[in-house]
């Protein structure tokens, strides 16, 4: 099994833990948070270590990494931690549910979190560090750029471009050929 460290110790980390534990070949070994947010020593029965020291305890040559944070500040906090983990040398894993439909000729970046019942059609591109909650439709030739968050049941038609740092709320529908500006 590949080994992975998860960023966070709250609800989002708990959700990531459940999906990685039950639907991947990863063994979760620890959680990490910024030292000034370290309030407990364990979470879900695993150690929590300061993010400032994580690479010394869990070296990037032996462990992968995953960051799941919400859409706060147009996804910029998740972007910041994603970039800091990359700077530390970690390979960032993506979670793609075994119950998602990802059709051939589509592309998915690193540190993405794609839950069940998502349909990603051919030639769609999902950038790095994106979250697609449950039940979305991503149409053909659509490009969702980096650091975006799509809540549940979003429909994105074909040939849409969504620029970085966008948040699409529950049941949003984007018709074909639309371009959504950054943020």
N, C-alpha and C. Protein backbone atom coordinates (compact mmCIF):
# COMPACT_ATOMS: atom_id res chain seq x y z
N UNK A 1 0.83 -1.20 0.00
CA UNK A 1 0.00 0.00 0.00
C UNK A 1 0.87 1.25 0.00
N UNK A 2 0.42 2.25 -0.74
CA UNK A 2 1.10 3.54 -0.71
C UNK A 2 0.69 4.25 0.58
N UNK A 3 1.59 5.06 1.10
CA UNK A 3 1.34 5.76 2.36
C UNK A 3 1.09 7.24 2.09
N UNK A 4 0.17 7.81 2.87
CA UNK A 4 -0.23 9.20 2.62
C UNK A 4 -0.46 9.94 3.93
N UNK A 5 -0.14 11.24 3.91
CA UNK A 5 -0.41 12.15 5.02
C UNK A 5 -1.51 13.10 4.55
N UNK A 6 -2.50 13.32 5.39
CA UNK A 6 -3.61 14.21 5.07
C UNK A 6 -3.48 15.51 5.83
N UNK A 7 -3.72 16.63 5.16
CA UNK A 7 -3.69 17.92 5.82
C UNK A 7 -5.05 18.18 6.46
N UNK A 8 -5.02 18.63 7.71
CA UNK A 8 -6.24 19.02 8.42
C UNK A 8 -6.55 18.10 9.59
N UNK A 9 -7.48 18.56 10.42
CA UNK A 9 -7.94 17.76 11.56
C UNK A 9 -9.37 18.17 11.91
N UNK A 10 -10.15 18.53 10.90
CA UNK A 10 -11.54 18.91 11.10
C UNK A 10 -12.44 18.09 10.21
N UNK A 11 -13.61 18.63 9.90
CA UNK A 11 -14.60 17.88 9.13
C UNK A 11 -14.10 17.50 7.75
N UNK A 12 -13.45 18.39 7.04
CA UNK A 12 -12.97 18.06 5.70
C UNK A 12 -11.92 16.94 5.76
N UNK A 13 -11.03 17.00 6.74
CA UNK A 13 -10.04 15.94 6.89
C UNK A 13 -10.71 14.61 7.24
N UNK A 14 -11.76 14.69 8.03
CA UNK A 14 -12.50 13.47 8.39
C UNK A 14 -13.15 12.86 7.14
N UNK A 15 -13.71 13.70 6.29
CA UNK A 15 -14.31 13.22 5.04
C UNK A 15 -13.23 12.59 4.14
N UNK A 16 -12.12 13.30 3.96
CA UNK A 16 -11.02 12.77 3.14
C UNK A 16 -10.54 11.44 3.70
N UNK A 17 -10.40 11.36 5.01
CA UNK A 17 -9.96 10.12 5.66
C UNK A 17 -10.89 8.97 5.30
N UNK A 18 -12.18 9.18 5.38
CA UNK A 18 -13.13 8.12 5.09
C UNK A 18 -13.02 7.63 3.65
N UNK A 19 -12.96 8.57 2.70
CA UNK A 19 -12.88 8.17 1.30
C UNK A 19 -11.56 7.50 0.97
N UNK A 20 -10.43 8.05 1.44
CA UNK A 20 -9.14 7.42 1.17
C UNK A 20 -9.05 6.05 1.84
N UNK A 21 -9.60 5.92 3.04
CA UNK A 21 -9.53 4.65 3.77
C UNK A 21 -10.35 3.55 3.10
N UNK A 22 -11.54 3.88 2.62
CA UNK A 22 -12.44 2.86 2.13
C UNK A 22 -12.45 2.69 0.62
N UNK A 23 -11.79 3.59 -0.13
CA UNK A 23 -11.93 3.53 -1.58
C UNK A 23 -10.62 3.81 -2.32
N UNK A 24 -9.48 3.53 -1.67
CA UNK A 24 -8.19 3.68 -2.36
C UNK A 24 -7.24 2.60 -1.85
N UNK A 25 -6.09 2.54 -2.46
CA UNK A 25 -5.05 1.62 -1.99
C UNK A 25 -4.02 2.35 -1.13
N UNK A 26 -4.42 3.50 -0.57
CA UNK A 26 -3.54 4.25 0.33
C UNK A 26 -3.72 3.82 1.77
N UNK A 27 -2.63 3.83 2.50
CA UNK A 27 -2.66 3.70 3.95
C UNK A 27 -2.41 5.10 4.53
N UNK A 28 -3.38 5.61 5.25
CA UNK A 28 -3.24 6.93 5.88
C UNK A 28 -2.40 6.73 7.13
N UNK A 29 -1.31 7.49 7.25
CA UNK A 29 -0.40 7.30 8.38
C UNK A 29 -0.48 8.43 9.39
N UNK A 30 -0.92 9.63 8.96
CA UNK A 30 -0.94 10.76 9.88
C UNK A 30 -1.74 11.91 9.27
N UNK A 31 -2.02 12.87 10.14
CA UNK A 31 -2.60 14.15 9.74
C UNK A 31 -1.59 15.23 10.08
N UNK A 32 -1.72 16.38 9.46
CA UNK A 32 -0.85 17.50 9.77
C UNK A 32 -1.64 18.80 9.72
N UNK A 33 -1.30 19.71 10.58
CA UNK A 33 -1.89 21.05 10.61
C UNK A 33 -0.78 22.04 10.94
N UNK A 34 -1.03 23.32 10.66
CA UNK A 34 -0.07 24.34 11.07
C UNK A 34 0.10 24.28 12.58
N UNK A 35 1.31 24.50 13.05
CA UNK A 35 1.61 24.37 14.48
C UNK A 35 0.69 25.22 15.35
N UNK A 36 0.34 26.41 14.89
CA UNK A 36 -0.53 27.26 15.70
C UNK A 36 -1.98 26.77 15.75
N UNK A 37 -2.33 25.76 14.96
CA UNK A 37 -3.66 25.14 15.00
C UNK A 37 -3.64 23.75 15.63
N UNK A 38 -2.49 23.34 16.10
CA UNK A 38 -2.34 22.01 16.70
C UNK A 38 -2.92 22.01 18.10
N UNK A 39 -4.11 21.42 18.25
CA UNK A 39 -4.82 21.43 19.53
C UNK A 39 -4.92 20.05 20.16
N UNK A 40 -4.57 19.03 19.41
CA UNK A 40 -4.63 17.67 19.93
C UNK A 40 -3.50 16.87 19.29
N UNK A 41 -3.19 15.71 19.85
CA UNK A 41 -2.09 14.90 19.35
C UNK A 41 -2.54 13.82 18.37
N UNK A 42 -3.84 13.50 18.38
CA UNK A 42 -4.37 12.46 17.51
C UNK A 42 -5.68 12.88 16.88
N UNK A 43 -5.97 12.29 15.73
CA UNK A 43 -7.25 12.48 15.06
C UNK A 43 -7.54 11.17 14.33
N UNK A 44 -8.72 10.63 14.52
CA UNK A 44 -9.12 9.36 13.91
C UNK A 44 -8.13 8.25 14.25
N UNK A 45 -7.55 8.33 15.47
CA UNK A 45 -6.61 7.31 15.93
C UNK A 45 -5.22 7.40 15.33
N UNK A 46 -4.94 8.50 14.62
CA UNK A 46 -3.63 8.68 13.99
C UNK A 46 -2.97 9.95 14.52
N UNK A 47 -1.64 10.01 14.47
CA UNK A 47 -0.96 11.21 14.97
C UNK A 47 -1.24 12.44 14.12
N UNK A 48 -1.22 13.60 14.80
CA UNK A 48 -1.25 14.89 14.11
C UNK A 48 0.10 15.54 14.37
N UNK A 49 0.78 15.94 13.29
CA UNK A 49 2.10 16.53 13.43
C UNK A 49 2.08 17.95 12.87
N UNK A 50 2.97 18.81 13.35
CA UNK A 50 3.03 20.18 12.82
C UNK A 50 3.43 20.18 11.35
N UNK A 51 2.70 20.92 10.54
CA UNK A 51 2.99 21.01 9.11
C UNK A 51 4.40 21.53 8.87
N UNK A 52 4.88 22.40 9.74
CA UNK A 52 6.21 22.97 9.58
C UNK A 52 7.30 21.90 9.65
N UNK A 53 7.01 20.74 10.28
CA UNK A 53 7.99 19.66 10.44
C UNK A 53 7.62 18.38 9.72
N UNK A 54 6.51 18.36 8.99
CA UNK A 54 5.98 17.10 8.46
C UNK A 54 6.98 16.37 7.57
N UNK A 55 7.75 17.09 6.76
CA UNK A 55 8.68 16.43 5.85
C UNK A 55 9.84 15.75 6.58
N UNK A 56 10.14 16.19 7.82
CA UNK A 56 11.18 15.53 8.62
C UNK A 56 10.67 14.24 9.25
N UNK A 57 9.39 14.17 9.54
CA UNK A 57 8.79 13.00 10.18
C UNK A 57 8.30 12.00 9.13
N UNK A 58 7.69 12.52 8.07
CA UNK A 58 7.16 11.71 6.97
C UNK A 58 7.77 12.23 5.67
N UNK A 59 8.97 11.74 5.32
CA UNK A 59 9.70 12.28 4.17
C UNK A 59 8.95 12.12 2.84
N UNK A 60 9.01 13.13 1.99
CA UNK A 60 8.33 13.08 0.69
C UNK A 60 8.79 11.95 -0.22
N UNK A 61 9.96 11.39 0.05
CA UNK A 61 10.43 10.26 -0.75
C UNK A 61 9.66 8.98 -0.41
N UNK A 62 8.99 8.97 0.74
CA UNK A 62 8.30 7.76 1.19
C UNK A 62 6.79 7.92 1.33
N UNK A 63 6.31 9.15 1.35
CA UNK A 63 4.89 9.41 1.61
C UNK A 63 4.33 10.38 0.57
N UNK A 64 3.08 10.14 0.19
CA UNK A 64 2.34 11.09 -0.63
C UNK A 64 1.57 12.03 0.30
N UNK A 65 0.89 13.00 -0.26
CA UNK A 65 0.24 14.04 0.53
C UNK A 65 -1.08 14.41 -0.13
N UNK A 66 -2.04 14.86 0.70
CA UNK A 66 -3.32 15.32 0.18
C UNK A 66 -3.84 16.45 1.05
N UNK A 67 -4.33 17.51 0.38
CA UNK A 67 -4.90 18.67 1.06
C UNK A 67 -6.36 18.80 0.64
N UNK A 68 -7.27 18.75 1.61
CA UNK A 68 -8.68 19.04 1.34
C UNK A 68 -9.14 20.10 2.32
N UNK A 69 -9.33 21.28 1.80
CA UNK A 69 -9.91 22.39 2.57
C UNK A 69 -11.07 22.93 1.76
N UNK A 70 -11.96 23.62 2.41
CA UNK A 70 -13.14 24.15 1.74
C UNK A 70 -12.81 25.29 0.78
N UNK A 71 -13.85 25.99 0.39
CA UNK A 71 -13.72 27.05 -0.62
C UNK A 71 -13.47 28.42 -0.02
N UNK A 72 -13.09 28.48 1.25
CA UNK A 72 -12.87 29.75 1.92
C UNK A 72 -11.91 30.64 1.13
N UNK A 73 -12.26 31.91 1.05
CA UNK A 73 -11.44 32.90 0.36
C UNK A 73 -11.16 32.48 -1.08
N UNK A 74 -12.20 32.05 -1.78
CA UNK A 74 -12.09 31.60 -3.17
C UNK A 74 -11.02 30.53 -3.36
N UNK A 75 -10.98 29.59 -2.45
CA UNK A 75 -10.09 28.42 -2.53
C UNK A 75 -8.62 28.76 -2.32
N UNK A 76 -8.33 29.95 -1.85
CA UNK A 76 -6.92 30.36 -1.75
C UNK A 76 -6.18 29.70 -0.58
N UNK A 77 -6.86 29.36 0.49
CA UNK A 77 -6.18 28.66 1.59
C UNK A 77 -5.78 27.25 1.14
N UNK A 78 -6.69 26.56 0.45
CA UNK A 78 -6.34 25.23 -0.09
C UNK A 78 -5.19 25.35 -1.08
N UNK A 79 -5.22 26.38 -1.92
CA UNK A 79 -4.12 26.61 -2.86
C UNK A 79 -2.80 26.81 -2.12
N UNK A 80 -2.82 27.63 -1.08
CA UNK A 80 -1.60 27.91 -0.32
C UNK A 80 -1.00 26.63 0.26
N UNK A 81 -1.81 25.81 0.89
CA UNK A 81 -1.30 24.58 1.51
C UNK A 81 -0.85 23.57 0.45
N UNK A 82 -1.57 23.52 -0.66
CA UNK A 82 -1.19 22.67 -1.79
C UNK A 82 0.21 23.07 -2.29
N UNK A 83 0.42 24.37 -2.50
CA UNK A 83 1.72 24.85 -2.99
C UNK A 83 2.82 24.63 -1.97
N UNK A 84 2.52 24.82 -0.69
CA UNK A 84 3.53 24.58 0.34
C UNK A 84 3.92 23.11 0.40
N UNK A 85 2.95 22.21 0.25
CA UNK A 85 3.26 20.77 0.25
C UNK A 85 4.12 20.41 -0.96
N UNK A 86 3.83 21.01 -2.11
CA UNK A 86 4.66 20.79 -3.30
C UNK A 86 6.09 21.28 -3.07
N UNK A 87 6.21 22.45 -2.42
CA UNK A 87 7.54 23.01 -2.13
C UNK A 87 8.33 22.09 -1.22
N UNK A 88 7.64 21.37 -0.36
CA UNK A 88 8.31 20.42 0.53
C UNK A 88 8.72 19.15 -0.21
N UNK A 89 8.29 19.01 -1.46
CA UNK A 89 8.69 17.88 -2.28
C UNK A 89 7.70 16.74 -2.36
N UNK A 90 6.49 16.93 -1.84
CA UNK A 90 5.51 15.85 -1.84
C UNK A 90 4.87 15.66 -3.20
N UNK A 91 4.57 14.41 -3.52
CA UNK A 91 3.68 14.07 -4.63
C UNK A 91 2.27 14.21 -4.06
N UNK A 92 1.43 14.98 -4.72
CA UNK A 92 0.07 15.18 -4.23
C UNK A 92 -0.88 14.23 -4.94
N UNK A 93 -1.55 13.43 -4.15
CA UNK A 93 -2.48 12.43 -4.66
C UNK A 93 -3.81 13.06 -4.99
N UNK A 94 -4.55 12.44 -5.88
CA UNK A 94 -5.95 12.80 -6.12
C UNK A 94 -6.81 11.64 -5.66
N UNK A 95 -8.00 11.98 -5.18
CA UNK A 95 -9.00 10.96 -4.88
C UNK A 95 -10.08 11.06 -5.95
N UNK A 96 -10.31 9.95 -6.65
CA UNK A 96 -11.39 9.85 -7.63
C UNK A 96 -12.22 8.65 -7.22
N UNK A 97 -13.45 8.90 -6.83
CA UNK A 97 -14.32 7.83 -6.36
C UNK A 97 -14.42 6.71 -7.38
N UNK A 98 -14.46 5.49 -6.87
CA UNK A 98 -14.67 4.34 -7.75
C UNK A 98 -16.08 4.37 -8.35
N UNK A 99 -16.95 5.22 -7.81
CA UNK A 99 -18.31 5.35 -8.31
C UNK A 99 -18.51 6.62 -9.15
N UNK A 100 -17.40 7.23 -9.56
CA UNK A 100 -17.45 8.34 -10.52
C UNK A 100 -17.24 7.75 -11.91
N UNK A 101 -17.80 8.41 -12.90
CA UNK A 101 -17.62 7.98 -14.28
C UNK A 101 -16.68 8.98 -14.95
N UNK A 102 -15.47 8.53 -15.21
CA UNK A 102 -14.47 9.36 -15.87
C UNK A 102 -14.21 8.71 -17.23
N UNK A 103 -14.69 9.35 -18.27
CA UNK A 103 -14.61 8.76 -19.60
C UNK A 103 -13.23 8.97 -20.22
N UNK A 104 -12.86 8.10 -21.17
CA UNK A 104 -11.54 8.21 -21.80
C UNK A 104 -11.34 9.59 -22.42
N UNK A 105 -10.08 9.95 -22.53
CA UNK A 105 -9.66 11.20 -23.15
C UNK A 105 -9.95 12.42 -22.28
N UNK A 106 -10.31 12.21 -21.02
CA UNK A 106 -10.43 13.34 -20.09
C UNK A 106 -9.14 13.40 -19.28
N UNK A 107 -8.89 14.53 -18.62
CA UNK A 107 -7.66 14.71 -17.84
C UNK A 107 -8.02 15.26 -16.46
N UNK A 108 -7.34 14.74 -15.44
CA UNK A 108 -7.56 15.19 -14.07
C UNK A 108 -6.21 15.49 -13.45
N UNK A 109 -6.08 16.67 -12.84
CA UNK A 109 -4.82 17.08 -12.22
C UNK A 109 -4.57 16.42 -10.89
N UNK A 110 -3.56 16.94 -10.20
CA UNK A 110 -3.19 16.39 -8.90
C UNK A 110 -3.95 17.10 -7.78
N UNK A 111 -4.02 16.45 -6.65
CA UNK A 111 -4.70 16.94 -5.45
C UNK A 111 -6.16 17.32 -5.74
N UNK A 112 -6.81 16.51 -6.58
CA UNK A 112 -8.24 16.69 -6.83
C UNK A 112 -9.03 15.74 -5.95
N UNK A 113 -10.25 16.14 -5.63
CA UNK A 113 -11.15 15.34 -4.80
C UNK A 113 -12.46 15.23 -5.56
N UNK A 114 -12.68 14.07 -6.16
CA UNK A 114 -13.84 13.86 -7.04
C UNK A 114 -14.69 12.75 -6.45
N UNK A 115 -15.86 13.12 -5.97
CA UNK A 115 -16.71 12.18 -5.24
C UNK A 115 -17.63 11.38 -6.17
N UNK A 116 -18.46 10.57 -5.57
CA UNK A 116 -19.33 9.65 -6.29
C UNK A 116 -20.33 10.37 -7.20
N UNK A 117 -20.72 9.65 -8.24
CA UNK A 117 -21.74 10.10 -9.19
C UNK A 117 -21.36 11.34 -9.99
N UNK A 118 -20.10 11.66 -10.06
CA UNK A 118 -19.64 12.67 -11.00
C UNK A 118 -19.50 12.00 -12.37
N UNK A 119 -19.87 12.70 -13.42
CA UNK A 119 -19.66 12.23 -14.77
C UNK A 119 -18.74 13.25 -15.45
N UNK A 120 -17.59 12.77 -15.89
CA UNK A 120 -16.63 13.62 -16.58
C UNK A 120 -16.50 13.09 -17.99
N UNK A 121 -17.02 13.86 -18.95
CA UNK A 121 -17.09 13.42 -20.33
C UNK A 121 -15.73 13.54 -21.04
N UNK A 122 -15.63 12.91 -22.24
CA UNK A 122 -14.37 12.96 -22.98
C UNK A 122 -13.92 14.39 -23.26
N UNK A 123 -12.62 14.56 -23.22
CA UNK A 123 -11.92 15.80 -23.53
C UNK A 123 -12.13 16.90 -22.48
N UNK A 124 -12.77 16.55 -21.38
CA UNK A 124 -12.86 17.50 -20.27
C UNK A 124 -11.51 17.51 -19.55
N UNK A 125 -11.14 18.67 -19.03
CA UNK A 125 -9.88 18.82 -18.28
C UNK A 125 -10.20 19.43 -16.93
N UNK A 126 -9.75 18.76 -15.88
CA UNK A 126 -9.89 19.26 -14.52
C UNK A 126 -8.48 19.62 -14.04
N UNK A 127 -8.26 20.88 -13.69
CA UNK A 127 -6.94 21.32 -13.26
C UNK A 127 -6.56 20.81 -11.88
N UNK A 128 -5.38 21.14 -11.44
CA UNK A 128 -4.88 20.74 -10.13
C UNK A 128 -5.71 21.36 -9.01
N UNK A 129 -5.82 20.61 -7.91
CA UNK A 129 -6.35 21.12 -6.66
C UNK A 129 -7.82 21.54 -6.76
N UNK A 130 -8.60 20.74 -7.47
CA UNK A 130 -10.04 21.01 -7.61
C UNK A 130 -10.86 20.03 -6.78
N UNK A 131 -12.01 20.49 -6.33
CA UNK A 131 -12.97 19.66 -5.60
C UNK A 131 -14.24 19.59 -6.42
N UNK A 132 -14.70 18.37 -6.66
CA UNK A 132 -16.00 18.14 -7.29
C UNK A 132 -16.80 17.26 -6.33
N UNK A 133 -17.70 17.88 -5.59
CA UNK A 133 -18.50 17.13 -4.62
C UNK A 133 -19.41 16.17 -5.39
N UNK A 134 -20.39 15.59 -4.79
CA UNK A 134 -21.18 14.49 -5.37
C UNK A 134 -22.11 14.94 -6.49
N UNK A 135 -22.22 14.08 -7.52
CA UNK A 135 -23.28 14.18 -8.49
C UNK A 135 -23.19 15.27 -9.54
N UNK A 136 -22.00 15.68 -9.94
CA UNK A 136 -21.85 16.72 -10.95
C UNK A 136 -21.75 16.13 -12.36
N UNK A 137 -22.07 16.93 -13.35
CA UNK A 137 -21.89 16.57 -14.75
C UNK A 137 -20.92 17.58 -15.36
N UNK A 138 -19.81 17.08 -15.89
CA UNK A 138 -18.82 17.94 -16.54
C UNK A 138 -18.81 17.55 -18.02
N UNK A 139 -19.29 18.46 -18.86
CA UNK A 139 -19.48 18.18 -20.27
C UNK A 139 -18.18 18.12 -21.07
N UNK A 140 -18.29 17.55 -22.24
CA UNK A 140 -17.16 17.37 -23.17
C UNK A 140 -16.48 18.71 -23.47
N UNK A 141 -15.18 18.64 -23.62
CA UNK A 141 -14.34 19.78 -23.99
C UNK A 141 -14.42 20.95 -23.00
N UNK A 142 -14.84 20.68 -21.80
CA UNK A 142 -14.87 21.70 -20.75
C UNK A 142 -13.52 21.72 -20.06
N UNK A 143 -13.11 22.91 -19.64
CA UNK A 143 -11.88 23.03 -18.86
C UNK A 143 -12.18 23.74 -17.55
N UNK A 144 -11.92 23.03 -16.46
CA UNK A 144 -12.02 23.61 -15.13
C UNK A 144 -10.59 23.81 -14.66
N UNK A 145 -10.18 25.05 -14.53
CA UNK A 145 -8.78 25.33 -14.21
C UNK A 145 -8.52 25.14 -12.72
N UNK A 146 -7.32 25.44 -12.28
CA UNK A 146 -6.84 25.13 -10.93
C UNK A 146 -7.68 25.79 -9.83
N UNK A 147 -7.70 25.11 -8.68
CA UNK A 147 -8.19 25.64 -7.41
C UNK A 147 -9.67 26.01 -7.45
N UNK A 148 -10.48 25.20 -8.12
CA UNK A 148 -11.92 25.43 -8.17
C UNK A 148 -12.65 24.45 -7.26
N UNK A 149 -13.86 24.81 -6.90
CA UNK A 149 -14.70 23.98 -6.02
C UNK A 149 -16.10 23.96 -6.62
N UNK A 150 -16.58 22.76 -6.94
CA UNK A 150 -17.95 22.59 -7.41
C UNK A 150 -18.71 21.81 -6.36
N UNK A 151 -19.73 22.42 -5.77
CA UNK A 151 -20.57 21.73 -4.79
C UNK A 151 -21.39 20.67 -5.53
N UNK A 152 -22.33 20.04 -4.88
CA UNK A 152 -23.08 18.93 -5.46
C UNK A 152 -24.06 19.36 -6.55
N UNK A 153 -24.26 18.45 -7.50
CA UNK A 153 -25.29 18.54 -8.54
C UNK A 153 -25.13 19.75 -9.45
N UNK A 154 -23.89 20.09 -9.74
CA UNK A 154 -23.59 21.16 -10.69
C UNK A 154 -23.57 20.55 -12.09
N UNK A 155 -24.18 21.22 -13.04
CA UNK A 155 -24.15 20.79 -14.43
C UNK A 155 -23.34 21.82 -15.21
N UNK A 156 -22.26 21.35 -15.81
CA UNK A 156 -21.42 22.19 -16.65
C UNK A 156 -21.50 21.60 -18.05
N UNK A 157 -22.09 22.31 -18.97
CA UNK A 157 -22.28 21.80 -20.34
C UNK A 157 -20.96 21.80 -21.10
N UNK A 158 -20.99 21.40 -22.33
CA UNK A 158 -19.79 21.28 -23.15
C UNK A 158 -19.15 22.61 -23.49
N UNK A 159 -17.84 22.56 -23.71
CA UNK A 159 -17.04 23.70 -24.16
C UNK A 159 -17.07 24.89 -23.20
N UNK A 160 -17.18 24.63 -21.93
CA UNK A 160 -17.16 25.68 -20.91
C UNK A 160 -15.73 25.82 -20.40
N UNK A 161 -15.33 27.05 -20.08
CA UNK A 161 -14.05 27.29 -19.40
C UNK A 161 -14.34 27.97 -18.08
N UNK A 162 -13.83 27.37 -17.01
CA UNK A 162 -13.97 27.94 -15.66
C UNK A 162 -12.56 28.26 -15.19
N UNK A 163 -12.27 29.52 -15.00
CA UNK A 163 -10.93 29.96 -14.63
C UNK A 163 -10.67 29.70 -13.14
N UNK A 164 -9.41 29.81 -12.69
CA UNK A 164 -9.05 29.47 -11.32
C UNK A 164 -9.86 30.22 -10.25
N UNK A 165 -9.94 29.57 -9.10
CA UNK A 165 -10.51 30.13 -7.88
C UNK A 165 -12.02 30.36 -7.94
N UNK A 166 -12.72 29.56 -8.72
CA UNK A 166 -14.18 29.70 -8.79
C UNK A 166 -14.85 28.72 -7.84
N UNK A 167 -16.00 29.14 -7.37
CA UNK A 167 -16.87 28.29 -6.55
C UNK A 167 -18.24 28.26 -7.22
N UNK A 168 -18.72 27.05 -7.53
CA UNK A 168 -20.06 26.88 -8.08
C UNK A 168 -20.89 26.16 -7.05
N UNK A 169 -21.99 26.77 -6.62
CA UNK A 169 -22.82 26.24 -5.56
C UNK A 169 -23.75 25.14 -6.03
N UNK A 170 -24.43 24.52 -5.08
CA UNK A 170 -25.34 23.41 -5.31
C UNK A 170 -26.35 23.76 -6.41
N UNK A 171 -26.51 22.82 -7.35
CA UNK A 171 -27.48 22.90 -8.44
C UNK A 171 -27.20 23.99 -9.47
N UNK A 172 -26.01 24.56 -9.48
CA UNK A 172 -25.68 25.55 -10.52
C UNK A 172 -25.68 24.86 -11.88
N UNK A 173 -26.09 25.59 -12.90
CA UNK A 173 -26.08 25.09 -14.26
C UNK A 173 -25.39 26.12 -15.15
N UNK A 174 -24.40 25.65 -15.90
CA UNK A 174 -23.65 26.51 -16.80
C UNK A 174 -23.90 25.99 -18.21
N UNK A 175 -24.48 26.80 -19.05
CA UNK A 175 -24.80 26.35 -20.41
C UNK A 175 -23.54 26.28 -21.27
N UNK A 176 -23.64 25.63 -22.39
CA UNK A 176 -22.49 25.37 -23.26
C UNK A 176 -21.85 26.67 -23.76
N UNK A 177 -20.51 26.59 -23.89
CA UNK A 177 -19.74 27.67 -24.47
C UNK A 177 -19.48 28.87 -23.58
N UNK A 178 -19.86 28.81 -22.32
CA UNK A 178 -19.69 29.94 -21.39
C UNK A 178 -18.26 29.95 -20.85
N UNK A 179 -17.74 31.14 -20.58
CA UNK A 179 -16.44 31.29 -19.91
C UNK A 179 -16.67 32.05 -18.62
N UNK A 180 -16.21 31.48 -17.51
CA UNK A 180 -16.37 32.10 -16.19
C UNK A 180 -15.02 32.65 -15.76
N UNK A 181 -14.99 33.93 -15.44
CA UNK A 181 -13.74 34.62 -15.08
C UNK A 181 -13.18 34.11 -13.76
N UNK A 182 -11.92 34.38 -13.54
CA UNK A 182 -11.26 33.96 -12.31
C UNK A 182 -11.97 34.51 -11.09
N UNK A 183 -12.11 33.63 -10.10
CA UNK A 183 -12.67 34.01 -8.80
C UNK A 183 -14.16 34.27 -8.84
